[in-house]
Amino acid sequence: MKKNTTKLLSKGKNTRRENTAIVGQMPLRKIADLKTVVGDNALFLSGSVFYLGSRAGDNLIVGHNSVIREENLIGDDFSLWSNSTIDYGCKIGDRVKVHCNCYISQFTTIEDDCFFAPGVIIANDIHPGCSLSKKCMKGATIRKGAQIGCNVTIL
């Protein structure tokens, strides 16, 4: 049976969602708090998915086929362009722009006024394939005002 998620979701004024966008996707993994907040003037373009358990400020834009997973804290004026993913447990400041085809891994912190060019990958597994890799996973911290160029990978 599908759980009714509308009571878990708080959307601000002027929130717009194109037909195939999903706002309030239930996470596959169990999390402590499913409460979800989207500030004023949010725009969710076709194919975008915003999971329950995340909170975003005003003027959020989620591009075509982009995903914002659960347990993220996102500031005002954040834009995630097409085909990009913000994995779970990230903290993102104000006025951050993430261009097309980017991947931001779990537990990443991005401070205010940052820009990510197309194709940026932020990874968090310093021992890929190791059975103990989850114990070593930590997110990167991207400092205020950083500008990261095309196709950069950060471990």
N, C-alpha and C. Protein backbone atom coordinates (compact mmCIF):
# COMPACT_ATOMS: atom_id res chain seq x y z
N MET A 1 0.84 -1.17 0.00
CA MET A 1 0.00 0.00 0.00
C MET A 1 0.89 1.24 0.00
N LYS A 2 0.54 2.21 -0.82
CA LYS A 2 1.30 3.44 -0.92
C LYS A 2 0.94 4.39 0.22
N LYS A 3 1.95 4.93 0.88
CA LYS A 3 1.74 5.84 2.00
C LYS A 3 1.36 7.23 1.47
N ASN A 4 0.38 7.88 2.12
CA ASN A 4 -0.01 9.24 1.77
C ASN A 4 1.09 10.19 2.27
N THR A 5 1.72 10.89 1.34
CA THR A 5 2.86 11.74 1.71
C THR A 5 2.49 13.22 1.79
N THR A 6 1.27 13.60 1.46
CA THR A 6 0.92 15.02 1.42
C THR A 6 1.04 15.71 2.77
N LYS A 7 0.81 15.00 3.87
CA LYS A 7 0.91 15.60 5.20
C LYS A 7 2.36 15.84 5.61
N LEU A 8 3.29 15.23 4.93
CA LEU A 8 4.71 15.37 5.26
C LEU A 8 5.37 16.51 4.50
N LEU A 9 4.64 17.11 3.55
CA LEU A 9 5.22 18.07 2.62
C LEU A 9 4.65 19.46 2.82
N SER A 10 5.54 20.44 3.03
CA SER A 10 5.14 21.84 3.15
C SER A 10 5.76 22.61 1.99
N LYS A 11 4.91 23.16 1.10
CA LYS A 11 5.39 23.92 -0.06
C LYS A 11 5.04 25.39 0.11
N GLY A 12 5.98 26.26 -0.25
CA GLY A 12 5.76 27.70 -0.15
C GLY A 12 4.90 28.24 -1.28
N LYS A 13 4.69 29.56 -1.25
CA LYS A 13 3.91 30.24 -2.28
C LYS A 13 4.58 30.11 -3.64
N ASN A 14 3.76 30.07 -4.68
CA ASN A 14 4.21 30.09 -6.07
C ASN A 14 5.09 28.91 -6.45
N THR A 15 4.93 27.79 -5.79
CA THR A 15 5.66 26.59 -6.18
C THR A 15 5.03 26.03 -7.45
N ARG A 16 5.87 25.76 -8.45
CA ARG A 16 5.38 25.22 -9.72
C ARG A 16 6.07 23.89 -9.99
N ARG A 17 5.28 22.97 -10.54
CA ARG A 17 5.78 21.63 -10.83
C ARG A 17 5.24 21.20 -12.18
N GLU A 18 6.15 20.86 -13.11
CA GLU A 18 5.70 20.34 -14.40
C GLU A 18 5.15 18.93 -14.21
N ASN A 19 4.36 18.48 -15.16
CA ASN A 19 3.57 17.24 -15.02
C ASN A 19 4.35 16.02 -14.56
N THR A 20 5.54 15.81 -15.06
CA THR A 20 6.26 14.58 -14.71
C THR A 20 7.25 14.77 -13.56
N ALA A 21 7.24 15.91 -12.93
CA ALA A 21 8.10 16.13 -11.76
C ALA A 21 7.44 15.51 -10.53
N ILE A 22 8.26 14.96 -9.64
CA ILE A 22 7.76 14.34 -8.40
C ILE A 22 8.31 15.13 -7.22
N VAL A 23 7.42 15.67 -6.42
CA VAL A 23 7.81 16.38 -5.20
C VAL A 23 7.21 15.59 -4.05
N GLY A 24 8.07 14.94 -3.25
CA GLY A 24 7.60 14.11 -2.15
C GLY A 24 7.79 12.63 -2.40
N GLN A 25 8.87 12.26 -3.08
CA GLN A 25 9.19 10.84 -3.32
C GLN A 25 9.59 10.17 -2.00
N MET A 26 9.02 9.02 -1.73
CA MET A 26 9.36 8.26 -0.53
C MET A 26 10.75 7.62 -0.70
N PRO A 27 11.67 7.83 0.24
CA PRO A 27 12.99 7.19 0.14
C PRO A 27 12.88 5.67 0.28
N LEU A 28 13.79 4.97 -0.35
CA LEU A 28 13.82 3.51 -0.22
C LEU A 28 14.41 3.08 1.11
N ARG A 29 15.29 3.89 1.66
CA ARG A 29 15.89 3.56 2.95
C ARG A 29 15.11 4.26 4.06
N LYS A 30 15.17 3.72 5.25
CA LYS A 30 14.46 4.29 6.39
C LYS A 30 15.24 5.49 6.93
N ILE A 31 14.52 6.61 7.14
CA ILE A 31 15.15 7.79 7.73
C ILE A 31 14.30 8.26 8.91
N ALA A 32 14.93 9.01 9.81
CA ALA A 32 14.27 9.41 11.05
C ALA A 32 13.17 10.44 10.84
N ASP A 33 13.36 11.38 9.92
CA ASP A 33 12.41 12.49 9.77
C ASP A 33 12.05 12.68 8.31
N LEU A 34 10.80 12.38 7.97
CA LEU A 34 10.34 12.54 6.60
C LEU A 34 9.78 13.93 6.31
N LYS A 35 9.73 14.80 7.33
CA LYS A 35 9.18 16.14 7.11
C LYS A 35 9.98 16.83 6.01
N THR A 36 9.25 17.46 5.10
CA THR A 36 9.84 18.04 3.91
C THR A 36 9.36 19.48 3.75
N VAL A 37 10.27 20.38 3.47
CA VAL A 37 9.92 21.79 3.30
C VAL A 37 10.53 22.30 2.00
N VAL A 38 9.70 22.98 1.22
CA VAL A 38 10.14 23.66 0.01
C VAL A 38 9.70 25.11 0.15
N GLY A 39 10.63 26.06 0.04
CA GLY A 39 10.31 27.48 0.22
C GLY A 39 9.49 28.05 -0.92
N ASP A 40 9.35 29.36 -0.91
CA ASP A 40 8.58 30.08 -1.93
C ASP A 40 9.27 30.05 -3.28
N ASN A 41 8.46 30.15 -4.34
CA ASN A 41 8.93 30.32 -5.72
C ASN A 41 9.78 29.17 -6.24
N ALA A 42 9.50 27.95 -5.81
CA ALA A 42 10.24 26.79 -6.31
C ALA A 42 9.72 26.40 -7.69
N LEU A 43 10.61 25.85 -8.50
CA LEU A 43 10.25 25.36 -9.83
C LEU A 43 10.86 23.98 -10.02
N PHE A 44 10.01 23.01 -10.31
CA PHE A 44 10.43 21.64 -10.56
C PHE A 44 10.12 21.32 -12.02
N LEU A 45 11.16 21.16 -12.84
CA LEU A 45 10.96 20.90 -14.26
C LEU A 45 10.72 19.42 -14.52
N SER A 46 10.33 19.08 -15.73
CA SER A 46 9.92 17.72 -16.06
C SER A 46 10.98 16.70 -15.71
N GLY A 47 10.54 15.59 -15.13
CA GLY A 47 11.42 14.50 -14.77
C GLY A 47 12.20 14.69 -13.49
N SER A 48 12.07 15.84 -12.84
CA SER A 48 12.81 16.06 -11.60
C SER A 48 12.14 15.33 -10.44
N VAL A 49 12.96 14.97 -9.43
CA VAL A 49 12.46 14.25 -8.26
C VAL A 49 13.04 14.91 -7.01
N PHE A 50 12.17 15.22 -6.06
CA PHE A 50 12.56 15.81 -4.77
C PHE A 50 12.04 14.87 -3.69
N TYR A 51 12.95 14.23 -2.96
CA TYR A 51 12.58 13.22 -1.97
C TYR A 51 12.06 13.83 -0.69
N LEU A 52 11.22 13.07 0.00
CA LEU A 52 10.80 13.44 1.35
C LEU A 52 12.02 13.47 2.27
N GLY A 53 11.96 14.31 3.29
CA GLY A 53 13.03 14.38 4.27
C GLY A 53 14.09 15.42 3.96
N SER A 54 13.91 16.20 2.89
CA SER A 54 14.83 17.30 2.59
C SER A 54 14.14 18.63 2.82
N ARG A 55 14.95 19.65 3.02
CA ARG A 55 14.43 21.00 3.24
C ARG A 55 15.18 21.96 2.32
N ALA A 56 14.42 22.81 1.62
CA ALA A 56 15.02 23.77 0.70
C ALA A 56 14.42 25.15 0.93
N GLY A 57 15.23 26.18 0.78
CA GLY A 57 14.79 27.56 0.95
C GLY A 57 14.04 28.09 -0.26
N ASP A 58 13.95 29.40 -0.35
CA ASP A 58 13.22 30.07 -1.43
C ASP A 58 14.00 30.02 -2.74
N ASN A 59 13.23 30.11 -3.84
CA ASN A 59 13.78 30.24 -5.20
C ASN A 59 14.58 29.02 -5.64
N LEU A 60 14.13 27.85 -5.27
CA LEU A 60 14.74 26.59 -5.70
C LEU A 60 14.35 26.31 -7.14
N ILE A 61 15.31 25.89 -7.96
CA ILE A 61 15.04 25.43 -9.31
C ILE A 61 15.67 24.06 -9.46
N VAL A 62 14.85 23.07 -9.85
CA VAL A 62 15.35 21.72 -10.09
C VAL A 62 15.11 21.40 -11.56
N GLY A 63 16.20 21.22 -12.31
CA GLY A 63 16.14 21.06 -13.76
C GLY A 63 15.62 19.70 -14.20
N HIS A 64 15.44 19.58 -15.50
CA HIS A 64 14.93 18.36 -16.11
C HIS A 64 15.76 17.14 -15.70
N ASN A 65 15.06 16.10 -15.27
CA ASN A 65 15.68 14.80 -14.94
C ASN A 65 16.74 14.90 -13.84
N SER A 66 16.58 15.83 -12.93
CA SER A 66 17.51 15.96 -11.80
C SER A 66 16.87 15.43 -10.53
N VAL A 67 17.71 15.04 -9.58
CA VAL A 67 17.23 14.40 -8.35
C VAL A 67 17.86 15.06 -7.14
N ILE A 68 17.02 15.35 -6.14
CA ILE A 68 17.49 15.76 -4.82
C ILE A 68 17.00 14.72 -3.84
N ARG A 69 17.94 13.96 -3.29
CA ARG A 69 17.61 12.86 -2.38
C ARG A 69 17.22 13.36 -1.01
N GLU A 70 16.96 12.44 -0.09
CA GLU A 70 16.48 12.74 1.26
C GLU A 70 17.58 13.29 2.17
N GLU A 71 17.15 13.93 3.25
CA GLU A 71 18.02 14.43 4.32
C GLU A 71 19.02 15.49 3.86
N ASN A 72 18.61 16.33 2.92
CA ASN A 72 19.44 17.45 2.50
C ASN A 72 18.91 18.75 3.08
N LEU A 73 19.81 19.65 3.43
CA LEU A 73 19.46 21.00 3.88
C LEU A 73 20.00 21.98 2.84
N ILE A 74 19.09 22.69 2.18
CA ILE A 74 19.45 23.53 1.04
C ILE A 74 19.01 24.96 1.30
N GLY A 75 19.91 25.91 1.08
CA GLY A 75 19.60 27.32 1.31
C GLY A 75 18.76 27.95 0.21
N ASP A 76 18.70 29.27 0.23
CA ASP A 76 17.94 30.03 -0.76
C ASP A 76 18.71 30.14 -2.08
N ASP A 77 17.94 30.33 -3.17
CA ASP A 77 18.50 30.61 -4.49
C ASP A 77 19.43 29.49 -4.99
N PHE A 78 19.02 28.26 -4.78
CA PHE A 78 19.78 27.10 -5.26
C PHE A 78 19.21 26.65 -6.59
N SER A 79 20.08 26.43 -7.57
CA SER A 79 19.61 25.86 -8.83
C SER A 79 20.44 24.64 -9.19
N LEU A 80 19.72 23.60 -9.54
CA LEU A 80 20.29 22.32 -9.95
C LEU A 80 19.85 22.11 -11.39
N TRP A 81 20.78 22.16 -12.31
CA TRP A 81 20.41 22.11 -13.72
C TRP A 81 20.19 20.66 -14.15
N SER A 82 19.91 20.45 -15.41
CA SER A 82 19.45 19.16 -15.94
C SER A 82 20.43 18.01 -15.70
N ASN A 83 19.84 16.83 -15.45
CA ASN A 83 20.57 15.56 -15.34
C ASN A 83 21.61 15.55 -14.23
N SER A 84 21.32 16.20 -13.13
CA SER A 84 22.25 16.24 -12.00
C SER A 84 21.60 15.62 -10.77
N THR A 85 22.44 15.16 -9.83
CA THR A 85 21.94 14.51 -8.62
C THR A 85 22.64 15.06 -7.39
N ILE A 86 21.83 15.36 -6.37
CA ILE A 86 22.35 15.66 -5.03
C ILE A 86 21.99 14.45 -4.18
N ASP A 87 22.98 13.67 -3.77
CA ASP A 87 22.71 12.48 -2.97
C ASP A 87 22.31 12.90 -1.56
N TYR A 88 22.03 11.95 -0.69
CA TYR A 88 21.45 12.28 0.62
C TYR A 88 22.48 12.84 1.60
N GLY A 89 21.95 13.58 2.60
CA GLY A 89 22.77 14.05 3.71
C GLY A 89 23.69 15.22 3.41
N CYS A 90 23.37 16.03 2.40
CA CYS A 90 24.22 17.17 2.05
C CYS A 90 23.71 18.46 2.69
N LYS A 91 24.62 19.41 2.86
CA LYS A 91 24.28 20.75 3.34
C LYS A 91 24.75 21.73 2.28
N ILE A 92 23.81 22.52 1.77
CA ILE A 92 24.11 23.43 0.66
C ILE A 92 23.69 24.84 1.05
N GLY A 93 24.59 25.79 0.89
CA GLY A 93 24.33 27.17 1.28
C GLY A 93 23.48 27.93 0.29
N ASP A 94 23.48 29.24 0.43
CA ASP A 94 22.70 30.14 -0.41
C ASP A 94 23.44 30.46 -1.71
N ARG A 95 22.66 30.72 -2.76
CA ARG A 95 23.17 31.17 -4.06
C ARG A 95 24.17 30.19 -4.67
N VAL A 96 23.85 28.92 -4.60
CA VAL A 96 24.70 27.87 -5.18
C VAL A 96 24.08 27.44 -6.51
N LYS A 97 24.92 27.29 -7.53
CA LYS A 97 24.49 26.87 -8.86
C LYS A 97 25.24 25.59 -9.22
N VAL A 98 24.49 24.54 -9.56
CA VAL A 98 25.09 23.28 -9.99
C VAL A 98 24.61 23.03 -11.41
N HIS A 99 25.55 23.04 -12.35
CA HIS A 99 25.23 22.94 -13.77
C HIS A 99 24.83 21.51 -14.15
N CYS A 100 24.68 21.25 -15.43
CA CYS A 100 24.20 19.97 -15.97
C CYS A 100 25.19 18.83 -15.71
N ASN A 101 24.64 17.62 -15.57
CA ASN A 101 25.41 16.38 -15.49
C ASN A 101 26.41 16.35 -14.34
N CYS A 102 26.00 16.87 -13.19
CA CYS A 102 26.85 16.84 -12.00
C CYS A 102 26.34 15.81 -11.00
N TYR A 103 27.24 15.29 -10.19
CA TYR A 103 26.87 14.37 -9.11
C TYR A 103 27.55 14.86 -7.83
N ILE A 104 26.73 15.10 -6.80
CA ILE A 104 27.23 15.51 -5.49
C ILE A 104 26.95 14.37 -4.53
N SER A 105 27.99 13.75 -3.99
CA SER A 105 27.83 12.54 -3.16
C SER A 105 27.32 12.87 -1.76
N GLN A 106 26.97 11.81 -1.04
CA GLN A 106 26.46 11.92 0.32
C GLN A 106 27.41 12.72 1.20
N PHE A 107 26.81 13.44 2.15
CA PHE A 107 27.51 14.15 3.22
C PHE A 107 28.38 15.32 2.77
N THR A 108 28.19 15.79 1.54
CA THR A 108 28.94 16.94 1.05
C THR A 108 28.39 18.22 1.65
N THR A 109 29.28 19.15 1.99
CA THR A 109 28.89 20.49 2.43
C THR A 109 29.36 21.48 1.37
N ILE A 110 28.42 22.31 0.92
CA ILE A 110 28.74 23.35 -0.06
C ILE A 110 28.35 24.68 0.57
N GLU A 111 29.32 25.55 0.75
CA GLU A 111 29.04 26.85 1.36
C GLU A 111 28.43 27.81 0.34
N ASP A 112 28.10 29.02 0.76
CA ASP A 112 27.42 30.02 -0.07
C ASP A 112 28.21 30.39 -1.32
N ASP A 113 27.45 30.82 -2.36
CA ASP A 113 28.00 31.47 -3.56
C ASP A 113 28.96 30.59 -4.36
N CYS A 114 28.68 29.30 -4.44
CA CYS A 114 29.53 28.39 -5.22
C CYS A 114 28.91 28.11 -6.58
N PHE A 115 29.77 27.78 -7.54
CA PHE A 115 29.33 27.43 -8.90
C PHE A 115 30.03 26.16 -9.34
N PHE A 116 29.26 25.23 -9.89
CA PHE A 116 29.78 23.98 -10.42
C PHE A 116 29.50 23.94 -11.92
N ALA A 117 30.53 23.88 -12.75
CA ALA A 117 30.37 23.80 -14.19
C ALA A 117 29.87 22.39 -14.57
N PRO A 118 29.49 22.18 -15.84
CA PRO A 118 28.98 20.88 -16.25
C PRO A 118 29.96 19.74 -15.96
N GLY A 119 29.40 18.61 -15.54
CA GLY A 119 30.17 17.39 -15.38
C GLY A 119 30.97 17.24 -14.11
N VAL A 120 30.78 18.11 -13.13
CA VAL A 120 31.53 18.00 -11.87
C VAL A 120 31.03 16.79 -11.08
N ILE A 121 31.96 16.02 -10.55
CA ILE A 121 31.65 14.86 -9.71
C ILE A 121 32.33 15.07 -8.37
N ILE A 122 31.55 14.96 -7.29
CA ILE A 122 32.14 14.96 -5.95
C ILE A 122 31.90 13.57 -5.38
N ALA A 123 32.99 12.84 -5.18
CA ALA A 123 32.92 11.48 -4.65
C ALA A 123 33.27 11.50 -3.16
N ASN A 124 32.91 10.42 -2.47
CA ASN A 124 33.22 10.38 -1.03
C ASN A 124 33.78 9.04 -0.59
N ASP A 125 34.05 8.16 -1.52
CA ASP A 125 34.54 6.83 -1.19
C ASP A 125 36.02 6.76 -1.54
N ILE A 126 36.87 6.92 -0.54
CA ILE A 126 38.31 6.95 -0.81
C ILE A 126 38.90 5.55 -0.99
N HIS A 127 38.10 4.52 -0.70
CA HIS A 127 38.54 3.13 -0.88
C HIS A 127 37.47 2.36 -1.65
N PRO A 128 37.23 2.67 -2.93
CA PRO A 128 36.18 1.98 -3.68
C PRO A 128 36.40 0.47 -3.70
N GLY A 129 35.34 -0.26 -3.49
CA GLY A 129 35.41 -1.71 -3.53
C GLY A 129 35.82 -2.36 -2.22
N CYS A 130 36.29 -1.60 -1.27
CA CYS A 130 36.71 -2.14 0.02
C CYS A 130 35.48 -2.43 0.87
N SER A 131 35.47 -3.55 1.57
CA SER A 131 34.31 -3.90 2.40
C SER A 131 34.11 -2.94 3.57
N LEU A 132 35.13 -2.20 3.92
CA LEU A 132 35.04 -1.25 5.03
C LEU A 132 34.87 0.20 4.56
N SER A 133 34.59 0.39 3.28
CA SER A 133 34.57 1.75 2.73
C SER A 133 33.53 2.65 3.39
N LYS A 134 32.40 2.11 3.82
CA LYS A 134 31.37 2.95 4.45
C LYS A 134 31.87 3.61 5.73
N LYS A 135 32.80 2.96 6.42
CA LYS A 135 33.35 3.54 7.65
C LYS A 135 34.25 4.73 7.36
N CYS A 136 34.80 4.80 6.15
CA CYS A 136 35.71 5.88 5.79
C CYS A 136 35.03 7.02 5.05
N MET A 137 33.78 6.83 4.64
CA MET A 137 33.10 7.85 3.84
C MET A 137 32.88 9.13 4.62
N LYS A 138 33.33 10.21 4.02
CA LYS A 138 33.08 11.55 4.55
C LYS A 138 32.82 12.43 3.35
N GLY A 139 31.99 13.41 3.52
CA GLY A 139 31.73 14.32 2.41
C GLY A 139 32.79 15.40 2.30
N ALA A 140 32.96 15.88 1.10
CA ALA A 140 33.86 17.01 0.87
C ALA A 140 33.22 18.29 1.40
N THR A 141 34.04 19.29 1.69
CA THR A 141 33.54 20.62 2.02
C THR A 141 34.04 21.58 0.94
N ILE A 142 33.10 22.23 0.28
CA ILE A 142 33.42 23.20 -0.76
C ILE A 142 33.22 24.58 -0.14
N ARG A 143 34.27 25.35 -0.07
CA ARG A 143 34.26 26.63 0.65
C ARG A 143 33.55 27.74 -0.12
N LYS A 144 33.15 28.75 0.61
CA LYS A 144 32.40 29.89 0.08
C LYS A 144 33.06 30.48 -1.17
N GLY A 145 32.24 30.68 -2.20
CA GLY A 145 32.70 31.34 -3.42
C GLY A 145 33.46 30.47 -4.39
N ALA A 146 33.60 29.18 -4.11
CA ALA A 146 34.36 28.29 -5.01
C ALA A 146 33.69 28.21 -6.38
N GLN A 147 34.53 28.15 -7.41
CA GLN A 147 34.06 27.92 -8.77
C GLN A 147 34.82 26.72 -9.30
N ILE A 148 34.09 25.68 -9.66
CA ILE A 148 34.70 24.42 -10.06
C ILE A 148 34.43 24.20 -11.55
N GLY A 149 35.49 23.96 -12.33
CA GLY A 149 35.40 23.87 -13.78
C GLY A 149 34.85 22.56 -14.30
N CYS A 150 34.66 22.51 -15.60
CA CYS A 150 34.05 21.37 -16.29
C CYS A 150 34.79 20.06 -16.01
N ASN A 151 34.02 19.01 -15.78
CA ASN A 151 34.51 17.63 -15.67
C ASN A 151 35.53 17.41 -14.56
N VAL A 152 35.50 18.21 -13.52
CA VAL A 152 36.40 18.03 -12.38
C VAL A 152 35.82 16.95 -11.48
N THR A 153 36.70 16.07 -10.98
CA THR A 153 36.31 15.07 -9.99
C THR A 153 37.04 15.39 -8.69
N ILE A 154 36.27 15.45 -7.60
CA ILE A 154 36.82 15.73 -6.28
C ILE A 154 36.60 14.50 -5.41
N LEU A 155 37.67 13.97 -4.82
CA LEU A 155 37.55 12.82 -3.92
C LEU A 155 37.54 13.28 -2.49
